[in-house]
């Protein structure tokens, strides 16, 4: 039995409304995967993107961490 947790990477869901696809990719491959998909499938237009719900959650966490949500 191998220790899979040491080999696991965080994955991020990406969606492409035009292609009607959703997939998860390792965080380390996110930028490359999005760029490659958009270049190959959409002539470079930024159609595929990180799942908007996840992007909003990350933005909220960053804002909270930076103290931007404090009154």
N, C-alpha and C. Protein backbone atom coordinates (compact mmCIF):
# COMPACT_ATOMS: atom_id res chain seq x y z
N UNK A 1 0.85 -1.16 0.00
CA UNK A 1 0.00 0.00 0.00
C UNK A 1 0.90 1.24 0.00
N UNK A 2 0.57 2.23 -0.87
CA UNK A 2 1.36 3.45 -0.93
C UNK A 2 0.61 4.58 -0.26
N UNK A 3 1.36 5.58 0.16
CA UNK A 3 0.77 6.75 0.79
C UNK A 3 0.34 7.72 -0.29
N UNK A 4 -0.94 7.67 -0.71
CA UNK A 4 -1.45 8.50 -1.79
C UNK A 4 -1.54 9.96 -1.39
N UNK A 5 -1.71 10.27 -0.11
CA UNK A 5 -1.88 11.66 0.30
C UNK A 5 -0.66 12.50 -0.03
N UNK A 6 0.53 11.90 -0.04
CA UNK A 6 1.72 12.67 -0.37
C UNK A 6 1.79 12.98 -1.85
N UNK A 7 1.10 12.19 -2.68
CA UNK A 7 1.11 12.39 -4.12
C UNK A 7 -0.06 13.24 -4.60
N UNK A 8 -1.05 13.46 -3.74
CA UNK A 8 -2.24 14.19 -4.15
C UNK A 8 -1.97 15.68 -4.20
N UNK A 9 -2.54 16.32 -5.22
CA UNK A 9 -2.46 17.76 -5.35
C UNK A 9 -3.87 18.31 -5.27
N UNK A 10 -3.98 19.54 -4.83
CA UNK A 10 -5.29 20.20 -4.86
C UNK A 10 -5.72 20.36 -6.31
N UNK A 11 -6.98 20.11 -6.57
CA UNK A 11 -7.50 20.29 -7.92
C UNK A 11 -8.51 21.42 -7.93
N UNK A 12 -8.64 22.03 -9.09
CA UNK A 12 -9.52 23.17 -9.27
C UNK A 12 -10.49 22.85 -10.40
N UNK A 13 -11.79 23.10 -10.20
CA UNK A 13 -12.74 22.85 -11.28
C UNK A 13 -12.71 23.98 -12.30
N UNK A 14 -12.64 23.60 -13.57
CA UNK A 14 -12.76 24.59 -14.64
C UNK A 14 -13.96 24.24 -15.48
N UNK A 15 -14.62 25.26 -15.98
CA UNK A 15 -15.82 25.07 -16.78
C UNK A 15 -15.68 25.82 -18.09
N UNK A 16 -16.30 25.26 -19.12
CA UNK A 16 -16.37 25.91 -20.41
C UNK A 16 -17.82 25.83 -20.87
N UNK A 17 -18.51 26.96 -20.75
CA UNK A 17 -19.93 27.00 -21.11
C UNK A 17 -20.14 26.72 -22.59
N UNK A 18 -19.22 27.19 -23.41
CA UNK A 18 -19.37 27.01 -24.86
C UNK A 18 -19.23 25.54 -25.26
N UNK A 19 -18.29 24.84 -24.64
CA UNK A 19 -18.08 23.42 -24.93
C UNK A 19 -18.99 22.53 -24.08
N UNK A 20 -19.65 23.14 -23.09
CA UNK A 20 -20.49 22.43 -22.13
C UNK A 20 -19.71 21.33 -21.41
N UNK A 21 -18.50 21.71 -20.94
CA UNK A 21 -17.65 20.76 -20.23
C UNK A 21 -17.24 21.32 -18.87
N UNK A 22 -16.98 20.41 -17.97
CA UNK A 22 -16.43 20.72 -16.65
C UNK A 22 -15.37 19.67 -16.36
N UNK A 23 -14.26 20.09 -15.82
CA UNK A 23 -13.20 19.15 -15.45
C UNK A 23 -12.46 19.71 -14.25
N UNK A 24 -11.67 18.87 -13.63
CA UNK A 24 -10.82 19.29 -12.51
C UNK A 24 -9.38 19.06 -12.92
N UNK A 25 -8.55 20.04 -12.63
CA UNK A 25 -7.13 19.92 -12.97
C UNK A 25 -6.31 20.27 -11.73
N UNK A 26 -5.11 19.71 -11.62
CA UNK A 26 -4.24 20.09 -10.51
C UNK A 26 -3.96 21.58 -10.54
N UNK A 27 -3.90 22.19 -9.38
CA UNK A 27 -3.66 23.63 -9.27
C UNK A 27 -2.40 24.03 -10.03
N UNK A 28 -1.39 23.19 -9.97
CA UNK A 28 -0.12 23.51 -10.64
C UNK A 28 -0.25 23.55 -12.16
N UNK A 29 -1.31 22.96 -12.71
CA UNK A 29 -1.52 22.93 -14.17
C UNK A 29 -2.64 23.85 -14.63
N UNK A 30 -3.24 24.59 -13.71
CA UNK A 30 -4.42 25.38 -14.01
C UNK A 30 -4.19 26.39 -15.14
N UNK A 31 -3.23 27.26 -14.98
CA UNK A 31 -3.01 28.32 -15.97
C UNK A 31 -2.71 27.74 -17.35
N UNK A 32 -1.86 26.73 -17.40
CA UNK A 32 -1.49 26.12 -18.67
C UNK A 32 -2.68 25.46 -19.33
N UNK A 33 -3.47 24.75 -18.54
CA UNK A 33 -4.64 24.04 -19.08
C UNK A 33 -5.66 25.02 -19.63
N UNK A 34 -5.95 26.08 -18.88
CA UNK A 34 -6.91 27.08 -19.35
C UNK A 34 -6.42 27.74 -20.63
N UNK A 35 -5.16 28.14 -20.65
CA UNK A 35 -4.61 28.81 -21.82
C UNK A 35 -4.65 27.89 -23.04
N UNK A 36 -4.24 26.64 -22.86
CA UNK A 36 -4.22 25.68 -23.97
C UNK A 36 -5.63 25.45 -24.52
N UNK A 37 -6.60 25.24 -23.63
CA UNK A 37 -7.98 25.01 -24.06
C UNK A 37 -8.50 26.22 -24.83
N UNK A 38 -8.34 27.40 -24.23
CA UNK A 38 -8.86 28.60 -24.88
C UNK A 38 -8.16 28.89 -26.20
N UNK A 39 -6.86 28.64 -26.28
CA UNK A 39 -6.14 28.84 -27.54
C UNK A 39 -6.61 27.85 -28.60
N UNK A 40 -6.72 26.58 -28.22
CA UNK A 40 -7.07 25.53 -29.19
C UNK A 40 -8.54 25.53 -29.58
N UNK A 41 -9.41 25.83 -28.65
CA UNK A 41 -10.85 25.70 -28.91
C UNK A 41 -11.55 27.02 -29.20
N UNK A 42 -10.99 28.13 -28.74
CA UNK A 42 -11.72 29.40 -28.81
C UNK A 42 -10.87 30.55 -29.34
N UNK A 43 -9.86 30.22 -30.15
CA UNK A 43 -8.99 31.24 -30.75
C UNK A 43 -8.42 32.22 -29.73
N UNK A 44 -8.16 31.74 -28.53
CA UNK A 44 -7.56 32.57 -27.50
C UNK A 44 -8.54 33.35 -26.65
N UNK A 45 -9.82 33.35 -27.02
CA UNK A 45 -10.82 34.03 -26.19
C UNK A 45 -10.92 33.33 -24.85
N UNK A 46 -11.09 34.08 -23.78
CA UNK A 46 -11.13 33.54 -22.42
C UNK A 46 -12.53 32.98 -22.12
N UNK A 47 -12.85 31.84 -22.72
CA UNK A 47 -14.16 31.21 -22.54
C UNK A 47 -14.13 30.26 -21.35
N UNK A 48 -13.19 29.33 -21.34
CA UNK A 48 -13.05 28.41 -20.21
C UNK A 48 -12.46 29.19 -19.04
N UNK A 49 -12.92 28.87 -17.84
CA UNK A 49 -12.47 29.60 -16.66
C UNK A 49 -12.63 28.74 -15.42
N UNK A 50 -12.02 29.20 -14.34
CA UNK A 50 -12.23 28.54 -13.05
C UNK A 50 -13.71 28.66 -12.74
N UNK A 51 -14.28 27.60 -12.18
CA UNK A 51 -15.69 27.62 -11.79
C UNK A 51 -15.96 28.91 -11.03
N UNK A 52 -16.91 29.72 -11.50
CA UNK A 52 -17.17 31.03 -10.87
C UNK A 52 -17.47 30.95 -9.37
N UNK A 53 -18.15 29.91 -8.93
CA UNK A 53 -18.45 29.78 -7.50
C UNK A 53 -17.16 29.61 -6.70
N UNK A 54 -16.23 28.83 -7.22
CA UNK A 54 -14.95 28.62 -6.54
C UNK A 54 -14.14 29.92 -6.58
N UNK A 55 -14.13 30.59 -7.71
CA UNK A 55 -13.38 31.85 -7.82
C UNK A 55 -13.91 32.87 -6.80
N UNK A 56 -15.23 32.94 -6.64
CA UNK A 56 -15.81 33.86 -5.65
C UNK A 56 -15.39 33.49 -4.23
N UNK A 57 -15.38 32.20 -3.93
CA UNK A 57 -14.98 31.76 -2.59
C UNK A 57 -13.52 32.10 -2.32
N UNK A 58 -12.67 31.90 -3.31
CA UNK A 58 -11.25 32.22 -3.14
C UNK A 58 -11.08 33.73 -2.95
N UNK A 59 -11.80 34.52 -3.75
CA UNK A 59 -11.71 35.97 -3.61
C UNK A 59 -12.15 36.41 -2.22
N UNK A 60 -13.21 35.80 -1.69
CA UNK A 60 -13.67 36.13 -0.34
C UNK A 60 -12.62 35.77 0.71
N UNK A 61 -11.99 34.62 0.56
CA UNK A 61 -10.96 34.20 1.51
C UNK A 61 -9.76 35.14 1.48
N UNK A 62 -9.37 35.56 0.28
CA UNK A 62 -8.23 36.48 0.15
C UNK A 62 -8.59 37.83 0.77
N UNK A 63 -9.79 38.32 0.47
CA UNK A 63 -10.21 39.61 1.03
C UNK A 63 -10.25 39.55 2.55
N UNK A 64 -10.75 38.45 3.07
CA UNK A 64 -10.80 38.28 4.53
C UNK A 64 -9.39 38.24 5.12
N UNK A 65 -8.51 37.50 4.46
CA UNK A 65 -7.13 37.37 4.93
C UNK A 65 -6.41 38.73 4.91
N UNK A 66 -6.72 39.55 3.93
CA UNK A 66 -6.10 40.87 3.83
C UNK A 66 -6.77 41.92 4.69
N UNK A 67 -7.86 41.52 5.36
CA UNK A 67 -8.57 42.44 6.24
C UNK A 67 -9.45 43.42 5.49
N UNK A 68 -9.79 43.12 4.26
CA UNK A 68 -10.60 44.03 3.46
C UNK A 68 -12.08 43.99 3.83
N UNK A 69 -12.50 42.97 4.56
CA UNK A 69 -13.90 42.83 4.91
C UNK A 69 -14.21 43.40 6.29
N UNK A 70 -13.19 43.85 6.99
CA UNK A 70 -13.38 44.39 8.33
C UNK A 70 -13.92 45.81 8.22
N UNK A 71 -14.80 46.14 9.14
CA UNK A 71 -15.39 47.48 9.12
C UNK A 71 -14.62 48.42 10.00
